[in-house]
PDB file of N, CA and C in Angstrom:
ATOM      1  N   UNK A   1      -8.065  48.880 -34.135  1.00  0.00           N
ATOM      2  CA  UNK A   1      -7.278  49.989 -33.610  1.00  0.00           C
ATOM      3  C   UNK A   1      -7.916  50.633 -32.375  1.00  0.00           C
ATOM      4  N   UNK A   2      -9.278  50.665 -32.383  1.00  0.00           N
ATOM      5  CA  UNK A   2      -9.934  51.364 -31.282  1.00  0.00           C
ATOM      6  C   UNK A   2      -9.670  50.690 -29.948  1.00  0.00           C
ATOM      7  N   UNK A   3      -9.700  49.354 -29.941  1.00  0.00           N
ATOM      8  CA  UNK A   3      -9.534  48.634 -28.684  1.00  0.00           C
ATOM      9  C   UNK A   3      -8.161  48.936 -28.081  1.00  0.00           C
ATOM     10  N   UNK A   4      -7.132  48.965 -28.911  1.00  0.00           N
ATOM     11  CA  UNK A   4      -5.782  49.252 -28.430  1.00  0.00           C
ATOM     12  C   UNK A   4      -5.719  50.656 -27.818  1.00  0.00           C
ATOM     13  N   UNK A   5      -6.388  51.614 -28.485  1.00  0.00           N
ATOM     14  CA  UNK A   5      -6.400  52.990 -27.975  1.00  0.00           C
ATOM     15  C   UNK A   5      -6.945  53.024 -26.546  1.00  0.00           C
ATOM     16  N   UNK A   6      -8.054  52.312 -26.324  1.00  0.00           N
ATOM     17  CA  UNK A   6      -8.681  52.291 -24.999  1.00  0.00           C
ATOM     18  C   UNK A   6      -7.688  51.756 -23.973  1.00  0.00           C
ATOM     19  N   UNK A   7      -6.982  50.687 -24.341  1.00  0.00           N
ATOM     20  CA  UNK A   7      -5.994  50.102 -23.427  1.00  0.00           C
ATOM     21  C   UNK A   7      -4.902  51.099 -23.092  1.00  0.00           C
ATOM     22  N   UNK A   8      -4.449  51.828 -24.089  1.00  0.00           N
ATOM     23  CA  UNK A   8      -3.411  52.835 -23.872  1.00  0.00           C
ATOM     24  C   UNK A   8      -3.879  53.916 -22.920  1.00  0.00           C
ATOM     25  N   UNK A   9      -5.145  54.326 -23.118  1.00  0.00           N
ATOM     26  CA  UNK A   9      -5.694  55.362 -22.232  1.00  0.00           C
ATOM     27  C   UNK A   9      -5.740  54.860 -20.793  1.00  0.00           C
ATOM     28  N   UNK A  10      -6.146  53.586 -20.641  1.00  0.00           N
ATOM     29  CA  UNK A  10      -6.206  53.013 -19.288  1.00  0.00           C
ATOM     30  C   UNK A  10      -4.823  53.036 -18.650  1.00  0.00           C
ATOM     31  N   UNK A  11      -3.815  52.654 -19.431  1.00  0.00           N
ATOM     32  CA  UNK A  11      -2.449  52.660 -18.896  1.00  0.00           C
ATOM     33  C   UNK A  11      -2.028  54.075 -18.503  1.00  0.00           C
ATOM     34  N   UNK A  12      -2.387  55.048 -19.364  1.00  0.00           N
ATOM     35  CA  UNK A  12      -2.057  56.442 -19.063  1.00  0.00           C
ATOM     36  C   UNK A  12      -2.674  56.867 -17.731  1.00  0.00           C
ATOM     37  N   UNK A  13      -3.953  56.552 -17.573  1.00  0.00           N
ATOM     38  CA  UNK A  13      -4.645  56.913 -16.332  1.00  0.00           C
ATOM     39  C   UNK A  13      -3.941  56.300 -15.135  1.00  0.00           C
ATOM     40  N   UNK A  14      -3.612  55.014 -15.285  1.00  0.00           N
ATOM     41  CA  UNK A  14      -2.947  54.293 -14.189  1.00  0.00           C
ATOM     42  C   UNK A  14      -1.621  54.988 -13.853  1.00  0.00           C
ATOM     43  N   UNK A  15      -0.895  55.368 -14.900  1.00  0.00           N
ATOM     44  CA  UNK A  15       0.382  56.063 -14.687  1.00  0.00           C
ATOM     45  C   UNK A  15       0.187  57.362 -13.933  1.00  0.00           C
ATOM     46  N   UNK A  16      -0.835  58.109 -14.363  1.00  0.00           N
ATOM     47  CA  UNK A  16      -1.120  59.385 -13.681  1.00  0.00           C
ATOM     48  C   UNK A  16      -1.467  59.145 -12.218  1.00  0.00           C
ATOM     49  N   UNK A  17      -2.277  58.102 -11.965  1.00  0.00           N
ATOM     50  CA  UNK A  17      -2.675  57.773 -10.596  1.00  0.00           C
ATOM     51  C   UNK A  17      -1.441  57.453  -9.754  1.00  0.00           C
ATOM     52  N   UNK A  18      -0.542  56.637 -10.301  1.00  0.00           N
ATOM     53  CA  UNK A  18       0.664  56.262  -9.563  1.00  0.00           C
ATOM     54  C   UNK A  18       1.524  57.488  -9.273  1.00  0.00           C
ATOM     55  N   UNK A  19       1.610  58.383 -10.274  1.00  0.00           N
ATOM     56  CA  UNK A  19       2.407  59.586 -10.111  1.00  0.00           C
ATOM     57  C   UNK A  19       1.854  60.423  -8.945  1.00  0.00           C
ATOM     58  N   UNK A  20       0.524  60.574  -8.930  1.00  0.00           N
ATOM     59  CA  UNK A  20      -0.128  61.364  -7.874  1.00  0.00           C
ATOM     60  C   UNK A  20       0.144  60.729  -6.514  1.00  0.00           C
ATOM     61  N   UNK A  21       0.058  59.413  -6.459  1.00  0.00           N
ATOM     62  CA  UNK A  21       0.300  58.679  -5.194  1.00  0.00           C
ATOM     63  C   UNK A  21       1.737  58.932  -4.732  1.00  0.00           C
ATOM     64  N   UNK A  22       2.668  58.901  -5.672  1.00  0.00           N
ATOM     65  CA  UNK A  22       4.072  59.168  -5.331  1.00  0.00           C
ATOM     66  C   UNK A  22       4.246  60.558  -4.747  1.00  0.00           C
ATOM     67  N   UNK A  23       3.580  61.525  -5.381  1.00  0.00           N
ATOM     68  CA  UNK A  23       3.654  62.909  -4.873  1.00  0.00           C
ATOM     69  C   UNK A  23       3.106  62.985  -3.461  1.00  0.00           C
ATOM     70  N   UNK A  24       1.971  62.287  -3.229  1.00  0.00           N
ATOM     71  CA  UNK A  24       1.368  62.285  -1.879  1.00  0.00           C
ATOM     72  C   UNK A  24       2.347  61.713  -0.859  1.00  0.00           C
ATOM     73  N   UNK A  25       2.983  60.596  -1.222  1.00  0.00           N
ATOM     74  CA  UNK A  25       3.917  59.959  -0.291  1.00  0.00           C
ATOM     75  C   UNK A  25       5.109  60.871   0.000  1.00  0.00           C
ATOM     76  N   UNK A  26       5.609  61.556  -1.048  1.00  0.00           N
ATOM     77  CA  UNK A  26       6.734  62.482  -0.854  1.00  0.00           C
ATOM     78  C   UNK A  26       6.360  63.566   0.142  1.00  0.00           C
ATOM     79  N   UNK A  27       5.165  64.147  -0.056  1.00  0.00           N
ATOM     80  CA  UNK A  27       4.701  65.222   0.819  1.00  0.00           C
ATOM     81  C   UNK A  27       4.630  64.715   2.263  1.00  0.00           C
ATOM     82  N   UNK A  28       4.098  63.503   2.426  1.00  0.00           N
ATOM     83  CA  UNK A  28       3.970  62.903   3.766  1.00  0.00           C
ATOM     84  C   UNK A  28       5.359  62.761   4.397  1.00  0.00           C
ATOM     85  N   UNK A  29       6.320  62.319   3.592  1.00  0.00           N
ATOM     86  CA  UNK A  29       7.694  62.170   4.090  1.00  0.00           C
ATOM     87  C   UNK A  29       8.268  63.495   4.552  1.00  0.00           C
ATOM     88  N   UNK A  30       8.030  64.523   3.743  1.00  0.00           N
ATOM     89  CA  UNK A  30       8.519  65.863   4.113  1.00  0.00           C
ATOM     90  C   UNK A  30       7.888  66.317   5.419  1.00  0.00           C
ATOM     91  N   UNK A  31       6.577  66.056   5.568  1.00  0.00           N
ATOM     92  CA  UNK A  31       5.879  66.439   6.803  1.00  0.00           C
ATOM     93  C   UNK A  31       6.505  65.741   8.004  1.00  0.00           C
ATOM     94  N   UNK A  32       6.751  64.442   7.868  1.00  0.00           N
ATOM     95  CA  UNK A  32       7.326  63.672   8.978  1.00  0.00           C
ATOM     96  C   UNK A  32       8.712  64.191   9.336  1.00  0.00           C
ATOM     97  N   UNK A  33       9.492  64.549   8.299  1.00  0.00           N
ATOM     98  CA  UNK A  33      10.847  65.042   8.524  1.00  0.00           C
ATOM     99  C   UNK A  33      10.794  66.331   9.348  1.00  0.00           C
ATOM    100  N   UNK A  34       9.883  67.235   8.943  1.00  0.00           N
ATOM    101  CA  UNK A  34       9.726  68.510   9.646  1.00  0.00           C
ATOM    102  C   UNK A  34       9.330  68.252  11.098  1.00  0.00           C
ATOM    103  N   UNK A  35       8.410  67.308  11.281  1.00  0.00           N
ATOM    104  CA  UNK A  35       7.941  66.955  12.629  1.00  0.00           C
ATOM    105  C   UNK A  35       9.124  66.473  13.469  1.00  0.00           C
ATOM    106  N   UNK A  36       9.979  65.668  12.876  1.00  0.00           N
ATOM    107  CA  UNK A  36      11.159  65.163  13.575  1.00  0.00           C
ATOM    108  C   UNK A  36      12.088  66.283  14.000  1.00  0.00           C
ATOM    109  N   UNK A  37      12.285  67.248  13.091  1.00  0.00           N
ATOM    110  CA  UNK A  37      13.140  68.392  13.425  1.00  0.00           C
ATOM    111  C   UNK A  37      12.571  69.159  14.600  1.00  0.00           C
ATOM    112  N   UNK A  38      11.239  69.369  14.587  1.00  0.00           N
ATOM    113  CA  UNK A  38      10.608  70.098  15.692  1.00  0.00           C
ATOM    114  C   UNK A  38      10.802  69.350  17.008  1.00  0.00           C
ATOM    115  N   UNK A  39      10.590  68.031  16.961  1.00  0.00           N
ATOM    116  CA  UNK A  39      10.709  67.207  18.174  1.00  0.00           C
ATOM    117  C   UNK A  39      12.128  67.314  18.723  1.00  0.00           C
ATOM    118  N   UNK A  40      13.120  67.288  17.816  1.00  0.00           N
ATOM    119  CA  UNK A  40      14.530  67.379  18.224  1.00  0.00           C
ATOM    120  C   UNK A  40      14.767  68.704  18.950  1.00  0.00           C
ATOM    121  N   UNK A  41      14.215  69.783  18.394  1.00  0.00           N
ATOM    122  CA  UNK A  41      14.362  71.099  19.021  1.00  0.00           C
ATOM    123  C   UNK A  41      13.763  71.114  20.410  1.00  0.00           C
ATOM    124  N   UNK A  42      12.578  70.529  20.544  1.00  0.00           N
ATOM    125  CA  UNK A  42      11.918  70.482  21.862  1.00  0.00           C
ATOM    126  C   UNK A  42      12.775  69.703  22.850  1.00  0.00           C
ATOM    127  N   UNK A  43      13.365  68.596  22.379  1.00  0.00           N
ATOM    128  CA  UNK A  43      14.170  67.763  23.269  1.00  0.00           C
ATOM    129  C   UNK A  43      15.379  68.549  23.776  1.00  0.00           C
ATOM    130  N   UNK A  44      16.067  69.256  22.849  1.00  0.00           N
ATOM    131  CA  UNK A  44      17.236  70.040  23.253  1.00  0.00           C
ATOM    132  C   UNK A  44      16.843  71.136  24.235  1.00  0.00           C
ATOM    133  N   UNK A  45      15.687  71.769  23.965  1.00  0.00           N
ATOM    134  CA  UNK A  45      15.215  72.839  24.836  1.00  0.00           C
ATOM    135  C   UNK A  45      14.997  72.303  26.250  1.00  0.00           C
ATOM    136  N   UNK A  46      14.341  71.143  26.345  1.00  0.00           N
ATOM    137  CA  UNK A  46      14.063  70.529  27.647  1.00  0.00           C
ATOM    138  C   UNK A  46      15.373  70.235  28.377  1.00  0.00           C
ATOM    139  N   UNK A  47      16.358  69.740  27.616  1.00  0.00           N
ATOM    140  CA  UNK A  47      17.649  69.405  28.217  1.00  0.00           C
ATOM    141  C   UNK A  47      18.300  70.668  28.792  1.00  0.00           C
ATOM    142  N   UNK A  48      18.230  71.767  28.032  1.00  0.00           N
ATOM    143  CA  UNK A  48      18.792  73.037  28.491  1.00  0.00           C
ATOM    144  C   UNK A  48      18.131  73.500  29.770  1.00  0.00           C
ATOM    145  N   UNK A  49      16.799  73.401  29.817  1.00  0.00           N
ATOM    146  CA  UNK A  49      16.061  73.821  31.009  1.00  0.00           C
ATOM    147  C   UNK A  49      16.481  72.985  32.208  1.00  0.00           C
ATOM    148  N   UNK A  50      16.664  71.679  31.976  1.00  0.00           N
ATOM    149  CA  UNK A  50      17.068  70.786  33.068  1.00  0.00           C
ATOM    150  C   UNK A  50      18.417  71.224  33.625  1.00  0.00           C
ATOM    151  N   UNK A  51      19.370  71.508  32.715  1.00  0.00           N
ATOM    152  CA  UNK A  51      20.700  71.928  33.158  1.00  0.00           C
ATOM    153  C   UNK A  51      20.615  73.210  33.983  1.00  0.00           C
ATOM    154  N   UNK A  52      19.827  74.160  33.476  1.00  0.00           N
ATOM    155  CA  UNK A  52      19.665  75.439  34.179  1.00  0.00           C
ATOM    156  C   UNK A  52      19.114  75.190  35.581  1.00  0.00           C
ATOM    157  N   UNK A  53      18.113  74.337  35.676  1.00  0.00           N
ATOM    158  CA  UNK A  53      17.515  74.030  36.978  1.00  0.00           C
ATOM    159  C   UNK A  53      18.545  73.425  37.922  1.00  0.00           C
ATOM    160  N   UNK A  54      19.365  72.513  37.396  1.00  0.00           N
ATOM    161  CA  UNK A  54      20.388  71.876  38.229  1.00  0.00           C
ATOM    162  C   UNK A  54      21.349  72.922  38.775  1.00  0.00           C
ATOM    163  N   UNK A  55      21.787  73.846  37.903  1.00  0.00           N
ATOM    164  CA  UNK A  55      22.706  74.909  38.331  1.00  0.00           C
ATOM    165  C   UNK A  55      22.071  75.735  39.436  1.00  0.00           C
ATOM    166  N   UNK A  56      20.817  76.125  39.214  1.00  0.00           N
ATOM    167  CA  UNK A  56      20.107  76.952  40.188  1.00  0.00           C
ATOM    168  C   UNK A  56      20.030  76.224  41.538  1.00  0.00           C
ATOM    169  N   UNK A  57      19.745  74.927  41.462  1.00  0.00           N
ATOM    170  CA  UNK A  57      19.620  74.124  42.687  1.00  0.00           C
ATOM    171  C   UNK A  57      20.944  74.095  43.449  1.00  0.00           C
ATOM    172  N   UNK A  58      22.051  73.932  42.694  1.00  0.00           N
ATOM    173  CA  UNK A  58      23.365  73.885  43.334  1.00  0.00           C
ATOM    174  C   UNK A  58      23.672  75.213  44.028  1.00  0.00           C
ATOM    175  N   UNK A  59      23.370  76.313  43.344  1.00  0.00           N
ATOM    176  CA  UNK A  59      23.592  77.645  43.920  1.00  0.00           C
ATOM    177  C   UNK A  59      22.782  77.793  45.208  1.00  0.00           C
ATOM    178  N   UNK A  60      21.543  77.376  45.157  1.00  0.00           N
ATOM    179  CA  UNK A  60      20.678  77.459  46.344  1.00  0.00           C
ATOM    180  C   UNK A  60      21.261  76.655  47.495  1.00  0.00           C
ATOM    181  N   UNK A  61      21.757  75.459  47.184  1.00  0.00           N
ATOM    182  CA  UNK A  61      22.333  74.605  48.227  1.00  0.00           C
ATOM    183  C   UNK A  61      23.532  75.299  48.876  1.00  0.00           C
ATOM    184  N   UNK A  62      24.388  75.910  48.040  1.00  0.00           N
ATOM    185  CA  UNK A  62      25.565  76.613  48.564  1.00  0.00           C
ATOM    186  C   UNK A  62      25.129  77.730  49.502  1.00  0.00           C
ATOM    187  N   UNK A  63      24.127  78.509  49.028  1.00  0.00           N
ATOM    188  CA  UNK A  63      23.630  79.631  49.821  1.00  0.00           C
ATOM    189  C   UNK A  63      23.104  79.126  51.171  1.00  0.00           C
ATOM    190  N   UNK A  64      22.385  78.018  51.129  1.00  0.00           N
ATOM    191  CA  UNK A  64      21.806  77.429  52.342  1.00  0.00           C
ATOM    192  C   UNK A  64      22.913  77.038  53.320  1.00  0.00           C
ATOM    193  N   UNK A  65      23.965  76.407  52.792  1.00  0.00           N
ATOM    194  CA  UNK A  65      25.098  75.988  53.631  1.00  0.00           C
ATOM    195  C   UNK A  65      25.723  77.188  54.315  1.00  0.00           C
ATOM    196  N   UNK A  66      25.954  78.242  53.507  1.00  0.00           N
ATOM    197  CA  UNK A  66      26.550  79.472  54.060  1.00  0.00           C
ATOM    198  C   UNK A  66      25.675  80.038  55.165  1.00  0.00           C
ATOM    199  N   UNK A  67      24.385  80.101  54.914  1.00  0.00           N
ATOM    200  CA  UNK A  67      23.454  80.632  55.915  1.00  0.00           C
ATOM    201  C   UNK A  67      23.509  79.811  57.191  1.00  0.00           C
ATOM    202  N   UNK A  68      23.560  78.498  57.043  1.00  0.00           N
ATOM    203  CA  UNK A  68      23.618  77.626  58.218  1.00  0.00           C
ATOM    204  C   UNK A  68      24.868  77.907  59.045  1.00  0.00           C
ATOM    205  N   UNK A  69      26.011  78.047  58.359  1.00  0.00           N
ATOM    206  CA  UNK A  69      27.273  78.335  59.063  1.00  0.00           C
ATOM    207  C   UNK A  69      27.156  79.651  59.826  1.00  0.00           C
ATOM    208  N   UNK A  70      26.630  80.677  59.144  1.00  0.00           N
ATOM    209  CA  UNK A  70      26.481  81.995  59.755  1.00  0.00           C
ATOM    210  C   UNK A  70      25.606  81.903  61.011  1.00  0.00           C
ATOM    211  N   UNK A  71      24.539  81.118  60.906  1.00  0.00           N
ATOM    212  CA  UNK A  71      23.602  80.962  62.028  1.00  0.00           C
ATOM    213  C   UNK A  71      24.316  80.325  63.222  1.00  0.00           C
ATOM    214  N   UNK A  72      25.115  79.296  62.937  1.00  0.00           N
ATOM    215  CA  UNK A  72      25.847  78.604  64.012  1.00  0.00           C
ATOM    216  C   UNK A  72      26.783  79.592  64.709  1.00  0.00           C
ATOM    217  N   UNK A  73      27.500  80.405  63.877  1.00  0.00           N
ATOM    218  CA  UNK A  73      28.424  81.409  64.432  1.00  0.00           C
ATOM    219  C   UNK A  73      27.661  82.396  65.317  1.00  0.00           C
ATOM    220  N   UNK A  74      26.529  82.874  64.807  1.00  0.00           N
ATOM    221  CA  UNK A  74      25.722  83.835  65.577  1.00  0.00           C
ATOM    222  C   UNK A  74      25.282  83.228  66.911  1.00  0.00           C
ATOM    223  N   UNK A  75      24.832  81.980  66.852  1.00  0.00           N
ATOM    224  CA  UNK A  75      24.385  81.312  68.075  1.00  0.00           C
ATOM    225  C   UNK A  75      25.530  81.225  69.070  1.00  0.00           C
ATOM    226  N   UNK A  76      26.737  80.928  68.572  1.00  0.00           N
ATOM    227  CA  UNK A  76      27.895  80.800  69.452  1.00  0.00           C
ATOM    228  C   UNK A  76      28.221  82.137  70.095  1.00  0.00           C
ATOM    229  N   UNK A  77      28.125  83.234  69.313  1.00  0.00           N
ATOM    230  CA  UNK A  77      28.424  84.571  69.843  1.00  0.00           C
ATOM    231  C   UNK A  77      27.412  84.940  70.921  1.00  0.00           C
ATOM    232  N   UNK A  78      26.124  84.713  70.634  1.00  0.00           N
ATOM    233  CA  UNK A  78      25.086  85.017  71.618  1.00  0.00           C
ATOM    234  C   UNK A  78      25.243  84.039  72.762  1.00  0.00           C
TER     235      UNK A  78
END
């Protein structure tokens, strides 16, 4: 009977070890998922900044064009 008991204990230990490993893997998965969410947020933020910059650039170009026209008119008057 004693030998069988020892075998059972070994199996129990192995089961506990596997359970712990599973928990570790789950935690790792959760960490990776969170990391992915953060990365997605950063990507969207960068995209927004790019759009804003493009708009600003277009406005600047328009302003520049207007200024150039005004300058030409002034030169013609003088």
